[in-house]
All heavy atoms as atom14 arrays in JSON, in Angstrom:
{
  "sequence": "APSGYAIFYRSFTIVGIDPLWLSKILPLILGLLTTS",
  "atom14_mask": [
    [1, 1, 1, 1, 1, 0, 0, 0, 0, 0, 0, 0, 0, 0],
    [1, 1, 1, 1, 1, 1, 1, 0, 0, 0, 0, 0, 0, 0],
    [1, 1, 1, 1, 1, 1, 0, 0, 0, 0, 0, 0, 0, 0],
    [1, 1, 1, 1, 0, 0, 0, 0, 0, 0, 0, 0, 0, 0],
    [1, 1, 1, 1, 1, 1, 1, 1, 1, 1, 1, 1, 0, 0],
    [1, 1, 1, 1, 1, 0, 0, 0, 0, 0, 0, 0, 0, 0],
    [1, 1, 1, 1, 1, 1, 1, 1, 0, 0, 0, 0, 0, 0],
    [1, 1, 1, 1, 1, 1, 1, 1, 1, 1, 1, 0, 0, 0],
    [1, 1, 1, 1, 1, 1, 1, 1, 1, 1, 1, 1, 0, 0],
    [1, 1, 1, 1, 1, 1, 1, 1, 1, 1, 1, 0, 0, 0],
    [1, 1, 1, 1, 1, 1, 0, 0, 0, 0, 0, 0, 0, 0],
    [1, 1, 1, 1, 1, 1, 1, 1, 1, 1, 1, 0, 0, 0],
    [1, 1, 1, 1, 1, 1, 1, 0, 0, 0, 0, 0, 0, 0],
    [1, 1, 1, 1, 1, 1, 1, 1, 0, 0, 0, 0, 0, 0],
    [1, 1, 1, 1, 1, 1, 1, 0, 0, 0, 0, 0, 0, 0],
    [1, 1, 1, 1, 0, 0, 0, 0, 0, 0, 0, 0, 0, 0],
    [1, 1, 1, 1, 1, 1, 1, 1, 0, 0, 0, 0, 0, 0],
    [1, 1, 1, 1, 1, 1, 1, 1, 0, 0, 0, 0, 0, 0],
    [1, 1, 1, 1, 1, 1, 1, 0, 0, 0, 0, 0, 0, 0],
    [1, 1, 1, 1, 1, 1, 1, 1, 0, 0, 0, 0, 0, 0],
    [1, 1, 1, 1, 1, 1, 1, 1, 1, 1, 1, 1, 1, 1],
    [1, 1, 1, 1, 1, 1, 1, 1, 0, 0, 0, 0, 0, 0],
    [1, 1, 1, 1, 1, 1, 0, 0, 0, 0, 0, 0, 0, 0],
    [1, 1, 1, 1, 1, 1, 1, 1, 1, 0, 0, 0, 0, 0],
    [1, 1, 1, 1, 1, 1, 1, 1, 0, 0, 0, 0, 0, 0],
    [1, 1, 1, 1, 1, 1, 1, 1, 0, 0, 0, 0, 0, 0],
    [1, 1, 1, 1, 1, 1, 1, 0, 0, 0, 0, 0, 0, 0],
    [1, 1, 1, 1, 1, 1, 1, 1, 0, 0, 0, 0, 0, 0],
    [1, 1, 1, 1, 1, 1, 1, 1, 0, 0, 0, 0, 0, 0],
    [1, 1, 1, 1, 1, 1, 1, 1, 0, 0, 0, 0, 0, 0],
    [1, 1, 1, 1, 0, 0, 0, 0, 0, 0, 0, 0, 0, 0],
    [1, 1, 1, 1, 1, 1, 1, 1, 0, 0, 0, 0, 0, 0],
    [1, 1, 1, 1, 1, 1, 1, 1, 0, 0, 0, 0, 0, 0],
    [1, 1, 1, 1, 1, 1, 1, 0, 0, 0, 0, 0, 0, 0],
    [1, 1, 1, 1, 1, 1, 1, 0, 0, 0, 0, 0, 0, 0],
    [1, 1, 1, 1, 1, 1, 0, 0, 0, 0, 0, 0, 0, 0]
  ],
  "atom14_positions": [
    [[0.86, -1.2, 0.01], [0.01, 0.0, 0.0], [0.89, 1.22, 0.02], [1.77, 1.38, 0.85], [-0.9, 0.01, 1.24], [0.0, 0.0, 0.0], [0.0, 0.0, 0.0], [0.0, 0.0, 0.0], [0.0, 0.0, 0.0], [0.0, 0.0, 0.0], [0.0, 0.0, 0.0], [0.0, 0.0, 0.0], [0.0, 0.0, 0.0], [0.0, 0.0, 0.0]],
    [[0.65, 2.17, -0.94], [1.45, 3.42, -0.91], [1.21, 4.17, 0.42], [0.15, 4.08, 1.04], [0.82, 4.24, -2.1], [0.23, 3.19, -2.99], [-0.24, 2.09, -2.03], [0.0, 0.0, 0.0], [0.0, 0.0, 0.0], [0.0, 0.0, 0.0], [0.0, 0.0, 0.0], [0.0, 0.0, 0.0], [0.0, 0.0, 0.0], [0.0, 0.0, 0.0]],
    [[2.3, 4.84, 0.87], [2.28, 5.42, 2.2], [1.17, 6.46, 2.4], [0.49, 6.49, 3.43], [3.64, 6.06, 2.5], [4.01, 7.02, 1.52], [0.0, 0.0, 0.0], [0.0, 0.0, 0.0], [0.0, 0.0, 0.0], [0.0, 0.0, 0.0], [0.0, 0.0, 0.0], [0.0, 0.0, 0.0], [0.0, 0.0, 0.0], [0.0, 0.0, 0.0]],
    [[0.91, 7.31, 1.34], [-0.09, 8.29, 1.49], [-1.5, 7.68, 1.58], [-2.35, 8.17, 2.36], [0.0, 0.0, 0.0], [0.0, 0.0, 0.0], [0.0, 0.0, 0.0], [0.0, 0.0, 0.0], [0.0, 0.0, 0.0], [0.0, 0.0, 0.0], [0.0, 0.0, 0.0], [0.0, 0.0, 0.0], [0.0, 0.0, 0.0], [0.0, 0.0, 0.0]],
    [[-1.7, 6.63, 0.88], [-2.96, 5.9, 0.88], [-3.24, 5.31, 2.28], [-4.34, 5.45, 2.83], [-2.95, 4.82, -0.2], [-4.11, 3.89, -0.21], [-5.35, 4.29, -0.69], [-3.95, 2.57, 0.2], [-6.43, 3.42, -0.71], [-5.06, 1.66, 0.17], [-6.28, 2.12, -0.31], [-7.32, 1.22, -0.31], [0.0, 0.0, 0.0], [0.0, 0.0, 0.0]],
    [[-2.21, 4.68, 2.83], [-2.38, 4.06, 4.16], [-2.57, 5.13, 5.23], [-3.44, 5.01, 6.11], [-1.14, 3.2, 4.48], [0.0, 0.0, 0.0], [0.0, 0.0, 0.0], [0.0, 0.0, 0.0], [0.0, 0.0, 0.0], [0.0, 0.0, 0.0], [0.0, 0.0, 0.0], [0.0, 0.0, 0.0], [0.0, 0.0, 0.0], [0.0, 0.0, 0.0]],
    [[-1.81, 6.22, 5.13], [-1.98, 7.33, 6.14], [-3.32, 7.96, 6.06], [-3.97, 8.31, 7.07], [-0.82, 8.35, 5.95], [0.51, 7.74, 6.31], [-1.15, 9.61, 6.8], [1.69, 8.62, 5.92], [0.0, 0.0, 0.0], [0.0, 0.0, 0.0], [0.0, 0.0, 0.0], [0.0, 0.0, 0.0], [0.0, 0.0, 0.0], [0.0, 0.0, 0.0]],
    [[-3.82, 8.11, 4.81], [-5.11, 8.73, 4.63], [-6.23, 7.92, 5.36], [-6.99, 8.49, 6.12], [-5.44, 8.81, 3.13], [-6.77, 9.37, 2.79], [-6.97, 10.75, 2.74], [-7.87, 8.55, 2.54], [-8.23, 11.26, 2.46], [-9.11, 9.04, 2.2], [-9.29, 10.42, 2.17], [0.0, 0.0, 0.0], [0.0, 0.0, 0.0], [0.0, 0.0, 0.0]],
    [[-6.27, 6.62, 5.12], [-7.26, 5.79, 5.77], [-7.04, 5.77, 7.28], [-8.01, 5.78, 8.07], [-7.26, 4.41, 5.19], [-8.14, 4.23, 3.99], [-7.7, 4.44, 2.67], [-9.46, 3.84, 4.15], [-8.5, 4.26, 1.59], [-10.3, 3.65, 3.04], [-9.81, 3.86, 1.74], [-10.63, 3.7, 0.66], [0.0, 0.0, 0.0], [0.0, 0.0, 0.0]],
    [[-5.83, 5.67, 7.68], [-5.48, 5.56, 9.12], [-6.01, 6.81, 9.84], [-6.42, 6.71, 11.01], [-4.04, 5.32, 9.34], [-3.65, 5.07, 10.79], [-2.29, 4.43, 10.98], [-2.15, 3.88, 12.27], [-1.18, 3.07, 12.58], [-0.26, 2.67, 11.67], [-1.06, 2.55, 13.8], [0.0, 0.0, 0.0], [0.0, 0.0, 0.0], [0.0, 0.0, 0.0]],
    [[-5.83, 7.95, 9.24], [-6.26, 9.19, 9.87], [-7.73, 9.19, 10.22], [-8.16, 9.84, 11.24], [-5.9, 10.42, 9.03], [-6.65, 10.37, 7.81], [0.0, 0.0, 0.0], [0.0, 0.0, 0.0], [0.0, 0.0, 0.0], [0.0, 0.0, 0.0], [0.0, 0.0, 0.0], [0.0, 0.0, 0.0], [0.0, 0.0, 0.0], [0.0, 0.0, 0.0]],
    [[-8.54, 8.53, 9.44], [-9.99, 8.45, 9.75], [-10.29, 7.42, 10.84], [-11.28, 7.58, 11.51], [-10.73, 8.15, 8.47], [-10.9, 9.3, 7.51], [-9.93, 9.51, 6.55], [-11.91, 10.19, 7.6], [-10.05, 10.58, 5.67], [-12.03, 11.29, 6.76], [-11.1, 11.48, 5.79], [0.0, 0.0, 0.0], [0.0, 0.0, 0.0], [0.0, 0.0, 0.0]],
    [[-9.46, 6.4, 10.9], [-9.69, 5.4, 11.99], [-9.44, 5.99, 13.36], [-9.92, 5.48, 14.37], [-8.87, 4.13, 11.78], [-7.47, 4.47, 11.88], [-9.1, 3.5, 10.43], [0.0, 0.0, 0.0], [0.0, 0.0, 0.0], [0.0, 0.0, 0.0], [0.0, 0.0, 0.0], [0.0, 0.0, 0.0], [0.0, 0.0, 0.0], [0.0, 0.0, 0.0]],
    [[-8.65, 7.07, 13.43], [-8.41, 7.73, 14.69], [-9.69, 8.17, 15.37], [-9.83, 8.14, 16.6], [-7.42, 8.89, 14.55], [-6.05, 8.38, 14.07], [-7.28, 9.69, 15.82], [-5.07, 9.47, 13.73], [0.0, 0.0, 0.0], [0.0, 0.0, 0.0], [0.0, 0.0, 0.0], [0.0, 0.0, 0.0], [0.0, 0.0, 0.0], [0.0, 0.0, 0.0]],
    [[-10.63, 8.59, 14.55], [-11.94, 9.03, 15.07], [-13.0, 7.9, 14.95], [-14.21, 8.17, 15.02], [-12.41, 10.31, 14.37], [-11.52, 11.49, 14.72], [-12.5, 10.12, 12.87], [0.0, 0.0, 0.0], [0.0, 0.0, 0.0], [0.0, 0.0, 0.0], [0.0, 0.0, 0.0], [0.0, 0.0, 0.0], [0.0, 0.0, 0.0], [0.0, 0.0, 0.0]],
    [[-12.5, 6.67, 14.73], [-13.41, 5.53, 14.73], [-14.13, 5.22, 13.45], [-15.09, 4.45, 13.47], [0.0, 0.0, 0.0], [0.0, 0.0, 0.0], [0.0, 0.0, 0.0], [0.0, 0.0, 0.0], [0.0, 0.0, 0.0], [0.0, 0.0, 0.0], [0.0, 0.0, 0.0], [0.0, 0.0, 0.0], [0.0, 0.0, 0.0], [0.0, 0.0, 0.0]],
    [[-13.73, 5.81, 12.33], [-14.41, 5.59, 11.07], [-13.87, 4.3, 10.46], [-12.67, 4.11, 10.29], [-14.19, 6.75, 10.1], [-14.92, 8.0, 10.66], [-14.76, 6.41, 8.74], [-14.72, 9.23, 9.8], [0.0, 0.0, 0.0], [0.0, 0.0, 0.0], [0.0, 0.0, 0.0], [0.0, 0.0, 0.0], [0.0, 0.0, 0.0], [0.0, 0.0, 0.0]],
    [[-14.8, 3.42, 10.12], [-14.44, 2.09, 9.54], [-13.89, 2.3, 8.13], [-14.56, 2.96, 7.33], [-15.73, 1.2, 9.53], [-15.44, -0.14, 8.91], [-14.26, -0.53, 8.7], [-16.4, -0.91, 8.65], [0.0, 0.0, 0.0], [0.0, 0.0, 0.0], [0.0, 0.0, 0.0], [0.0, 0.0, 0.0], [0.0, 0.0, 0.0], [0.0, 0.0, 0.0]],
    [[-12.76, 1.74, 7.8], [-12.17, 1.91, 6.46], [-13.14, 1.41, 5.34], [-13.12, 1.98, 4.25], [-10.89, 1.03, 6.51], [-10.51, 1.05, 7.95], [-11.82, 1.04, 8.7], [0.0, 0.0, 0.0], [0.0, 0.0, 0.0], [0.0, 0.0, 0.0], [0.0, 0.0, 0.0], [0.0, 0.0, 0.0], [0.0, 0.0, 0.0], [0.0, 0.0, 0.0]],
    [[-13.85, 0.35, 5.61], [-14.77, -0.15, 4.59], [-15.87, 0.84, 4.34], [-16.24, 1.07, 3.19], [-15.35, -1.52, 5.03], [-16.3, -2.21, 4.03], [-15.55, -2.49, 2.76], [-16.86, -3.5, 4.58], [0.0, 0.0, 0.0], [0.0, 0.0, 0.0], [0.0, 0.0, 0.0], [0.0, 0.0, 0.0], [0.0, 0.0, 0.0], [0.0, 0.0, 0.0]],
    [[-16.43, 1.43, 5.4], [-17.46, 2.45, 5.2], [-16.87, 3.62, 4.43], [-17.54, 4.2, 3.53], [-17.96, 2.92, 6.6], [-19.05, 3.97, 6.56], [-20.4, 3.74, 6.49], [-18.87, 5.36, 6.52], [-21.05, 4.94, 6.43], [-20.14, 5.99, 6.5], [-17.76, 6.22, 6.58], [-20.36, 7.35, 6.43], [-17.96, 7.6, 6.52], [-19.26, 8.14, 6.5]],
    [[-15.66, 4.07, 4.78], [-15.04, 5.2, 4.13], [-14.84, 4.9, 2.59], [-15.04, 5.77, 1.76], [-13.7, 5.49, 4.78], [-12.89, 6.67, 4.19], [-13.69, 7.94, 4.26], [-11.56, 6.8, 4.92], [0.0, 0.0, 0.0], [0.0, 0.0, 0.0], [0.0, 0.0, 0.0], [0.0, 0.0, 0.0], [0.0, 0.0, 0.0], [0.0, 0.0, 0.0]],
    [[-14.49, 3.61, 2.31], [-14.25, 3.29, 0.9], [-15.52, 3.37, 0.07], [-15.45, 3.5, -1.14], [-13.68, 1.84, 0.82], [-14.65, 0.88, 1.12], [0.0, 0.0, 0.0], [0.0, 0.0, 0.0], [0.0, 0.0, 0.0], [0.0, 0.0, 0.0], [0.0, 0.0, 0.0], [0.0, 0.0, 0.0], [0.0, 0.0, 0.0], [0.0, 0.0, 0.0]],
    [[-16.67, 3.34, 0.68], [-17.91, 3.48, -0.03], [-18.28, 4.91, -0.26], [-18.98, 5.26, -1.22], [-19.07, 2.75, 0.74], [-18.83, 1.23, 0.89], [-19.94, 0.64, 1.74], [-19.68, -0.85, 1.93], [-20.75, -1.5, 2.72], [0.0, 0.0, 0.0], [0.0, 0.0, 0.0], [0.0, 0.0, 0.0], [0.0, 0.0, 0.0], [0.0, 0.0, 0.0]],
    [[-17.89, 5.8, 0.6], [-18.15, 7.21, 0.53], [-17.19, 7.92, -0.42], [-17.56, 8.86, -1.15], [-18.08, 7.86, 1.89], [-19.13, 7.26, 2.88], [-18.27, 9.38, 1.81], [-20.54, 7.55, 2.46], [0.0, 0.0, 0.0], [0.0, 0.0, 0.0], [0.0, 0.0, 0.0], [0.0, 0.0, 0.0], [0.0, 0.0, 0.0], [0.0, 0.0, 0.0]],
    [[-15.97, 7.48, -0.45], [-14.9, 8.17, -1.18], [-15.18, 8.35, -2.68], [-14.84, 9.42, -3.26], [-13.58, 7.47, -1.01], [-12.75, 7.83, 0.27], [-11.54, 6.99, 0.33], [-12.38, 9.34, 0.23], [0.0, 0.0, 0.0], [0.0, 0.0, 0.0], [0.0, 0.0, 0.0], [0.0, 0.0, 0.0], [0.0, 0.0, 0.0], [0.0, 0.0, 0.0]],
    [[-15.76, 7.37, -3.4], [-15.92, 7.57, -4.81], [-16.74, 8.79, -5.17], [-16.46, 9.46, -6.2], [-16.66, 6.27, -5.25], [-16.19, 5.24, -4.3], [-16.04, 5.96, -2.99], [0.0, 0.0, 0.0], [0.0, 0.0, 0.0], [0.0, 0.0, 0.0], [0.0, 0.0, 0.0], [0.0, 0.0, 0.0], [0.0, 0.0, 0.0], [0.0, 0.0, 0.0]],
    [[-17.76, 9.16, -4.4], [-18.53, 10.33, -4.62], [-17.67, 11.6, -4.5], [-17.69, 12.47, -5.35], [-19.72, 10.4, -3.61], [-20.53, 11.74, -3.61], [-21.13, 11.98, -4.99], [-21.56, 11.67, -2.46], [0.0, 0.0, 0.0], [0.0, 0.0, 0.0], [0.0, 0.0, 0.0], [0.0, 0.0, 0.0], [0.0, 0.0, 0.0], [0.0, 0.0, 0.0]],
    [[-16.86, 11.64, -3.43], [-16.0, 12.79, -3.19], [-14.95, 12.89, -4.26], [-14.67, 13.99, -4.83], [-15.39, 12.7, -1.81], [-16.47, 12.68, -0.73], [-14.43, 13.88, -1.55], [-16.01, 12.38, 0.66], [0.0, 0.0, 0.0], [0.0, 0.0, 0.0], [0.0, 0.0, 0.0], [0.0, 0.0, 0.0], [0.0, 0.0, 0.0], [0.0, 0.0, 0.0]],
    [[-14.26, 11.78, -4.58], [-13.23, 11.79, -5.57], [-13.79, 12.14, -6.96], [-13.15, 12.78, -7.76], [-12.53, 10.42, -5.63], [-11.75, 10.04, -4.36], [-11.19, 8.65, -4.47], [-10.64, 11.05, -4.06], [0.0, 0.0, 0.0], [0.0, 0.0, 0.0], [0.0, 0.0, 0.0], [0.0, 0.0, 0.0], [0.0, 0.0, 0.0], [0.0, 0.0, 0.0]],
    [[-15.05, 11.71, -7.21], [-15.66, 12.01, -8.46], [-15.92, 13.5, -8.63], [-15.72, 14.03, -9.72], [0.0, 0.0, 0.0], [0.0, 0.0, 0.0], [0.0, 0.0, 0.0], [0.0, 0.0, 0.0], [0.0, 0.0, 0.0], [0.0, 0.0, 0.0], [0.0, 0.0, 0.0], [0.0, 0.0, 0.0], [0.0, 0.0, 0.0], [0.0, 0.0, 0.0]],
    [[-16.31, 14.18, -7.54], [-16.57, 15.62, -7.63], [-15.25, 16.36, -7.8], [-15.19, 17.36, -8.59], [-17.25, 16.06, -6.31], [-18.69, 15.61, -6.15], [-19.19, 15.91, -4.73], [-19.6, 16.21, -7.19], [0.0, 0.0, 0.0], [0.0, 0.0, 0.0], [0.0, 0.0, 0.0], [0.0, 0.0, 0.0], [0.0, 0.0, 0.0], [0.0, 0.0, 0.0]],
    [[-14.19, 15.91, -7.14], [-12.87, 16.56, -7.34], [-12.39, 16.33, -8.75], [-11.85, 17.27, -9.37], [-11.87, 15.98, -6.32], [-12.07, 16.4, -4.86], [-11.08, 15.59, -3.95], [-11.82, 17.88, -4.69], [0.0, 0.0, 0.0], [0.0, 0.0, 0.0], [0.0, 0.0, 0.0], [0.0, 0.0, 0.0], [0.0, 0.0, 0.0], [0.0, 0.0, 0.0]],
    [[-12.54, 15.15, -9.29], [-12.12, 14.83, -10.63], [-12.84, 15.72, -11.63], [-12.24, 16.24, -12.56], [-12.38, 13.36, -10.96], [-11.6, 12.53, -10.07], [-12.06, 13.02, -12.37], [0.0, 0.0, 0.0], [0.0, 0.0, 0.0], [0.0, 0.0, 0.0], [0.0, 0.0, 0.0], [0.0, 0.0, 0.0], [0.0, 0.0, 0.0], [0.0, 0.0, 0.0]],
    [[-14.15, 15.86, -11.41], [-14.98, 16.71, -12.3], [-14.51, 18.15, -12.28], [-14.39, 18.81, -13.31], [-16.43, 16.6, -11.84], [-16.89, 15.27, -11.93], [-17.31, 17.5, -12.77], [0.0, 0.0, 0.0], [0.0, 0.0, 0.0], [0.0, 0.0, 0.0], [0.0, 0.0, 0.0], [0.0, 0.0, 0.0], [0.0, 0.0, 0.0], [0.0, 0.0, 0.0]],
    [[-14.2, 18.65, -11.12], [-13.74, 20.06, -10.99], [-12.45, 20.28, -11.77], [-12.36, 21.27, -12.55], [-13.54, 20.41, -9.51], [-14.73, 20.2, -8.8], [0.0, 0.0, 0.0], [0.0, 0.0, 0.0], [0.0, 0.0, 0.0], [0.0, 0.0, 0.0], [0.0, 0.0, 0.0], [0.0, 0.0, 0.0], [0.0, 0.0, 0.0], [0.0, 0.0, 0.0]]
  ]
}
């Protein structure tokens, strides 16, 4: 796993966010950034 990718997910687990749940939300956010 690239270091930035692992750190990104780990930063959300600090506040108790499940990585699997986050992986379902991210495509919407990344899609909006890509579009912009």
